Every structure is written in structure tokens, then in C-alpha cells.
Amino acid sequence: MFLNLVVMKLILPLILEVFLTGLVYRSMSFAKLGSSVELVHLSVVVTVFLFSAYFSAKVLARIDSREFSFFCPPVQWFVLAKQVFFSLIPCFVFVTIFVVILLIVLRWDISLSFMVVVKVYLIFLSYTFVGASIGLLGWQIFGHETLAALFSLVVWGLLIGSFFSLVPIERYVENLIYFIPVFLHINPLIAVCHVLEHDIFRTPKLYELTPISSYLFAYPKWYLVCGWQVLIGIFCVAIVLCSRLSHRVI
């Protein structure tokens, strides 16, 4: 019984996370968006985000709304936070294993410093919670964990792909230098690019498709990018809690 629980709750999700990471890596590799090390990091970011959104949405799916509504607000916060945290354990284990592998690789690859690994780990953890927050909002809107995960994918897809909107903007604005920082700050992948010192916009595909590489710009600090994502997550959680409190049974 315990073994079956471990397999279903931990081993199987880990296998699926590795599989999705491989798919994302292959897609990014086909687009030639960077070296193998850089693409693996970016793939892990996308994977933990999607799975955390799905796992958190499943938490709301299992909660009895009528029973939950009888709790006072502090208890609601505690119950929801505790169940979401435990649901994210497969994501925590996945990123921890990945970081441990990176630390082992440090013995042979001097291009990765210990502090780079620490920063990457913090990015993974913060995006895990951000994904969970957006997943909760997705479930609140659609009432299904799969649709919630797809909703999260659409939200992050819009944030990541927002820099493509610079192409039509360029037709009406002579200088994009004041617009570029905005799109860099809201793009979650830029945090990893900053830590790894990877200029993703000067890769062959994005160099042709976006005007960003034609300008001199600096990547925002990784913690600023993470901060904006955390604010988005807090906003999503606030909407979910306000919605549930409004249905509280008096």
C-alpha cells in the first residue's frame, strides 16, 4: 500500500516531469535557442511551472467547497497553503535532484559556479509557487485541473512571447529602447538567461524574428524578474481567496 502510494504520488510524477523536460528541450534545441546547458535549464523552468499549476489545481478539485466555506479566513489560508505545499513535493524533489546533478557536474564543468546553481535553484522554487498560484486561479475559472494547467500555459506563453509584439510596435515607434525593458521584466525565462549570461535574443531564430538584438540593452537582474512573477502569483491567490470568502456560509 505504501509502495503504491509512493509510486503514484512521487515516482510517476517525476517520470512525467523528466519526459516533459525532454520534450521541451527537444523543441528548444530544434529552434536553436542556446547551448545544451542553457536549454536544459529553460526546459526545467517550463516543466516545474506546468506541473505545479496542475498539482495545485488538483488540490482545489479535492476540497469540499461547502465544508471549506465554514472555516474562518485564517484557517482557510492555512488549509489551502498546507495542501498546496504537499501537492508540490514532486516538483521540489525534481528541481532538487536537478540541482544536485548540477553540483556534481561542477567538478568537471568550471563554467558553472556554485552561486549560479544556488540562484537557479531559487528561480526554480519561486516559479514552482508562481505556477501553483496561477493554477489555482485557472481552476477557480474553469473548474478542472487540466484546463487550469492549460490556462497557466497560456498565461506564461503570453508573458514569454510578449516580446514578439515589439515587431508591430516598431512600425509606429522610431526607438524601442524604452519599451524593451518592460518586455524583459515580464518574461519569466529572462531570469535564467541573466544568471547563465545567455543572450537568447541573439540566437539565430530570435535574431531574425525580433528587433531586440538591434538595440543595446541590459538584461534585468534575475531577482527582479522573479519578483514580478511572484507579484503575479500573489495577485492570483488573492483572487482565489476573495472568491472563496465571498461564498462563505454564515
Protein backbone atom coordinates (compact mmCIF):
# COMPACT_ATOMS: atom_id res chain seq x y z
CA MET A 1 0.00 0.00 0.00
CA PHE A 2 2.77 2.44 0.97
CA LEU A 3 4.81 1.46 -2.08
CA ASN A 4 1.86 2.06 -4.38
CA LEU A 5 1.31 5.47 -2.76
CA VAL A 6 4.96 6.44 -3.27
CA VAL A 7 4.85 5.32 -6.91
CA MET A 8 1.63 7.21 -7.67
CA LYS A 9 2.42 10.37 -5.70
CA LEU A 10 6.15 10.72 -6.37
CA ILE A 11 7.78 8.30 -8.82
CA LEU A 12 5.20 8.63 -11.59
CA PRO A 13 5.13 12.46 -11.47
CA LEU A 14 8.95 12.51 -11.55
CA ILE A 15 8.97 10.31 -14.65
CA LEU A 16 6.41 12.56 -16.33
CA GLU A 17 8.42 15.66 -15.41
CA VAL A 18 11.57 14.17 -16.92
CA PHE A 19 9.61 13.25 -20.05
CA LEU A 20 8.15 16.76 -20.43
CA THR A 21 11.56 18.32 -19.83
CA GLY A 22 12.91 16.19 -22.66
CA LEU A 23 10.12 17.31 -24.99
CA VAL A 24 10.62 20.98 -24.19
CA TYR A 25 14.38 20.57 -24.58
CA ARG A 26 13.97 18.97 -28.00
CA SER A 27 11.68 21.79 -29.11
CA MET A 28 14.09 24.48 -27.95
CA SER A 29 17.03 22.59 -29.42
CA PHE A 30 15.27 22.40 -32.78
CA ALA A 31 14.80 26.19 -32.64
CA LYS A 32 18.50 26.56 -31.71
CA LEU A 33 17.83 28.82 -28.73
CA GLY A 34 21.11 28.11 -26.97
CA SER A 35 23.60 25.51 -25.81
CA SER A 36 22.61 22.23 -24.17
CA VAL A 37 23.22 23.51 -20.62
CA GLU A 38 21.15 26.64 -21.20
CA LEU A 39 18.29 24.78 -22.85
CA VAL A 40 18.10 22.19 -20.08
CA HIS A 41 17.70 24.96 -17.51
CA LEU A 42 14.99 26.69 -19.54
CA SER A 43 13.21 23.36 -20.05
CA VAL A 44 13.17 22.64 -16.32
CA VAL A 45 11.64 26.08 -15.69
CA VAL A 46 8.76 25.36 -18.07
CA THR A 47 8.27 21.86 -16.63
CA VAL A 48 8.07 22.85 -12.96
CA PHE A 49 5.72 25.68 -13.84
CA LEU A 50 3.25 23.46 -15.69
CA PHE A 51 3.28 20.63 -13.18
CA SER A 52 2.95 22.95 -10.19
CA ALA A 53 -0.09 24.54 -11.85
CA TYR A 54 -1.66 21.11 -12.40
CA PHE A 55 -0.90 19.83 -8.89
CA SER A 56 -2.27 22.93 -7.16
CA ALA A 57 -5.44 22.81 -9.26
CA LYS A 58 -5.98 19.20 -8.18
CA VAL A 59 -5.92 20.42 -4.57
CA LEU A 60 -8.91 22.68 -5.15
CA ALA A 61 -10.63 19.88 -7.04
CA ARG A 62 -10.39 17.64 -3.95
CA ILE A 63 -11.52 20.26 -1.43
CA ASP A 64 -15.17 20.17 -0.44
CA SER A 65 -16.23 23.76 -1.14
CA ARG A 66 -19.17 23.67 1.25
CA GLU A 67 -17.10 22.26 4.11
CA PHE A 68 -14.26 24.66 3.31
CA SER A 69 -16.61 27.64 3.45
CA PHE A 70 -17.37 27.01 7.14
CA PHE A 71 -13.75 27.72 8.12
CA CYS A 72 -12.73 31.21 9.23
CA PRO A 73 -10.36 33.05 6.83
CA PRO A 74 -7.10 32.27 8.70
CA VAL A 75 -7.97 28.57 8.75
CA GLN A 76 -8.83 28.69 5.05
CA TRP A 77 -5.43 30.21 4.33
CA PHE A 78 -3.69 27.54 6.42
CA VAL A 79 -5.60 24.58 4.98
CA LEU A 80 -5.15 25.71 1.37
CA ALA A 81 -1.45 26.57 1.83
CA LYS A 82 -0.69 23.26 3.53
CA GLN A 83 -2.41 21.12 0.93
CA VAL A 84 -0.89 23.05 -1.98
CA PHE A 85 2.58 22.76 -0.42
CA PHE A 86 2.32 19.00 -0.03
CA SER A 87 0.97 18.65 -3.57
CA LEU A 88 4.12 20.37 -4.87
CA ILE A 89 6.52 17.86 -3.29
CA PRO A 90 7.17 16.11 -6.66
CA CYS A 91 8.23 19.47 -8.11
CA PHE A 92 10.50 20.19 -5.15
CA VAL A 93 12.09 16.75 -5.45
CA PHE A 94 12.53 17.15 -9.20
CA VAL A 95 14.33 20.51 -9.02
CA THR A 96 16.39 19.34 -6.04
CA ILE A 97 17.61 16.28 -7.95
CA PHE A 98 18.41 18.51 -10.91
CA VAL A 99 20.42 20.91 -8.74
CA VAL A 100 22.28 18.04 -7.05
CA ILE A 101 23.26 16.77 -10.50
CA LEU A 102 24.50 20.27 -11.34
CA LEU A 103 26.60 20.35 -8.18
CA ILE A 104 28.15 17.01 -9.13
CA VAL A 105 28.82 18.30 -12.66
CA LEU A 106 30.66 21.30 -11.15
CA ARG A 107 33.66 19.04 -10.60
CA TRP A 108 34.10 18.73 -14.36
CA ASP A 109 32.44 21.85 -15.75
CA ILE A 110 34.04 25.04 -14.41
CA SER A 111 31.64 27.22 -16.44
CA LEU A 112 29.03 26.77 -13.70
CA SER A 113 29.82 28.30 -10.33
CA PHE A 114 28.24 27.30 -7.04
CA MET A 115 26.41 30.64 -6.77
CA VAL A 116 24.94 30.17 -10.25
CA VAL A 117 23.48 26.84 -9.13
CA VAL A 118 22.06 28.44 -5.97
CA LYS A 119 20.41 31.24 -7.96
CA VAL A 120 18.97 28.77 -10.45
CA TYR A 121 17.55 26.71 -7.57
CA LEU A 122 15.87 29.81 -6.10
CA ILE A 123 14.38 30.61 -9.51
CA PHE A 124 13.01 27.07 -9.81
CA LEU A 125 11.44 27.25 -6.34
CA SER A 126 9.87 30.66 -6.90
CA TYR A 127 8.43 29.61 -10.25
CA THR A 128 7.02 26.47 -8.65
CA PHE A 129 4.95 28.63 -6.31
CA VAL A 130 4.03 31.05 -9.11
CA GLY A 131 2.82 28.17 -11.27
CA ALA A 132 0.79 26.83 -8.36
CA SER A 133 -0.82 30.23 -7.83
CA ILE A 134 -1.82 30.63 -11.46
CA GLY A 135 -3.07 27.03 -11.44
CA LEU A 136 -5.36 27.86 -8.52
CA LEU A 137 -6.81 30.77 -10.46
CA GLY A 138 -7.22 28.56 -13.51
CA TRP A 139 -9.20 26.03 -11.51
CA GLN A 140 -11.30 28.81 -9.99
CA ILE A 141 -12.21 29.92 -13.52
CA PHE A 142 -12.64 26.58 -15.32
CA GLY A 143 -13.19 24.07 -12.51
CA HIS A 144 -10.87 21.43 -13.98
CA GLU A 145 -7.19 20.74 -13.30
CA THR A 146 -6.27 20.05 -16.94
CA LEU A 147 -7.92 23.26 -18.12
CA ALA A 148 -6.21 25.07 -15.23
CA ALA A 149 -2.82 23.82 -16.43
CA LEU A 150 -3.65 24.91 -19.98
CA PHE A 151 -4.74 28.29 -18.67
CA SER A 152 -1.39 28.63 -16.88
CA LEU A 153 0.40 27.65 -20.07
CA VAL A 154 -1.47 30.35 -21.99
CA VAL A 155 -0.66 32.99 -19.34
CA TRP A 156 3.04 32.16 -19.33
CA GLY A 157 3.03 31.78 -23.10
CA LEU A 158 1.74 35.34 -23.41
CA LEU A 159 4.39 36.62 -20.99
CA ILE A 160 7.22 34.73 -22.70
CA GLY A 161 6.10 35.58 -26.21
CA SER A 162 5.20 39.19 -25.41
CA PHE A 163 8.43 40.45 -26.99
CA PHE A 164 7.05 39.49 -30.41
CA SER A 165 4.62 42.39 -30.03
CA LEU A 166 7.64 44.68 -30.46
CA VAL A 167 7.53 43.88 -34.18
CA PRO A 168 4.26 45.78 -34.87
CA ILE A 169 5.19 48.44 -32.28
CA GLU A 170 8.37 49.15 -34.23
CA ARG A 171 6.27 50.31 -37.19
CA TYR A 172 4.95 53.23 -35.16
CA VAL A 173 7.86 53.96 -32.82
CA GLU A 174 11.29 55.00 -34.03
CA ASN A 175 13.18 53.88 -30.92
CA LEU A 176 12.21 50.78 -28.95
CA ILE A 177 14.85 51.23 -26.27
CA TYR A 178 12.24 52.42 -23.74
CA PHE A 179 9.88 49.53 -24.47
CA ILE A 180 12.36 46.64 -24.38
CA PRO A 181 12.96 46.67 -20.57
CA VAL A 182 9.23 46.27 -19.92
CA PHE A 183 9.01 43.10 -22.01
CA LEU A 184 12.21 41.74 -20.47
CA HIS A 185 10.96 42.21 -16.91
CA ILE A 186 7.71 40.31 -17.50
CA ASN A 187 9.37 37.41 -19.35
CA PRO A 188 9.99 34.62 -16.79
CA LEU A 189 12.74 32.97 -18.86
CA ILE A 190 14.89 36.10 -18.66
CA ALA A 191 15.77 35.31 -15.03
CA VAL A 192 17.54 32.11 -16.12
CA CYS A 193 19.12 33.88 -19.08
CA HIS A 194 20.54 36.53 -16.75
CA VAL A 195 22.01 34.01 -14.31
CA LEU A 196 23.55 31.92 -17.11
CA GLU A 197 24.62 35.07 -19.02
CA HIS A 198 22.79 33.73 -22.04
CA ASP A 199 21.76 36.27 -24.68
CA ILE A 200 18.81 34.36 -26.08
CA PHE A 201 17.76 37.18 -28.43
CA ARG A 202 20.98 36.86 -30.40
CA THR A 203 20.38 33.21 -31.24
CA PRO A 204 19.74 32.72 -34.99
CA LYS A 205 15.95 32.34 -34.87
CA LEU A 206 15.15 35.17 -32.46
CA TYR A 207 17.71 37.42 -34.10
CA GLU A 208 15.65 37.21 -37.29
CA LEU A 209 12.21 37.33 -35.70
CA THR A 210 12.60 40.16 -33.18
CA PRO A 211 14.10 43.66 -33.34
CA ILE A 212 15.52 43.45 -29.81
CA SER A 213 19.00 42.41 -30.91
CA SER A 214 19.32 45.62 -32.92
CA TYR A 215 19.43 47.68 -29.72
CA LEU A 216 21.86 47.94 -26.83
CA PHE A 217 20.12 46.75 -23.69
CA ALA A 218 20.90 45.08 -20.37
CA TYR A 219 19.11 42.04 -19.01
CA PRO A 220 17.24 42.81 -15.77
CA LYS A 221 18.51 41.18 -12.60
CA TRP A 222 17.14 37.68 -12.03
CA TYR A 223 15.57 38.60 -8.69
CA LEU A 224 13.65 41.48 -10.28
CA VAL A 225 12.15 39.16 -12.90
CA CYS A 226 11.28 36.63 -10.19
CA GLY A 227 9.78 39.44 -8.12
CA TRP A 228 7.36 40.39 -10.88
CA GLN A 229 6.35 36.75 -11.27
CA VAL A 230 5.79 36.43 -7.52
CA LEU A 231 3.57 39.52 -7.59
CA ILE A 232 1.52 37.87 -10.35
CA GLY A 233 1.24 34.76 -8.18
CA ILE A 234 0.12 36.78 -5.14
CA PHE A 235 -2.49 38.52 -7.26
CA CYS A 236 -3.85 35.16 -8.45
CA VAL A 237 -4.02 33.75 -4.91
CA ALA A 238 -5.78 36.88 -3.69
CA ILE A 239 -8.46 36.49 -6.37
CA VAL A 240 -8.99 32.83 -5.43
CA LEU A 241 -9.25 33.55 -1.71
CA CYS A 242 -11.55 36.53 -2.20
CA SER A 243 -13.80 34.43 -4.39
CA ARG A 244 -13.96 31.65 -1.82
CA LEU A 245 -14.51 34.02 1.07
CA SER A 246 -17.41 35.62 -0.80
CA HIS A 247 -19.11 32.20 -0.85
CA ARG A 248 -18.56 31.58 2.83
CA VAL A 249 -21.59 30.22 4.61
CA ILE A 250 -22.62 32.46 7.53
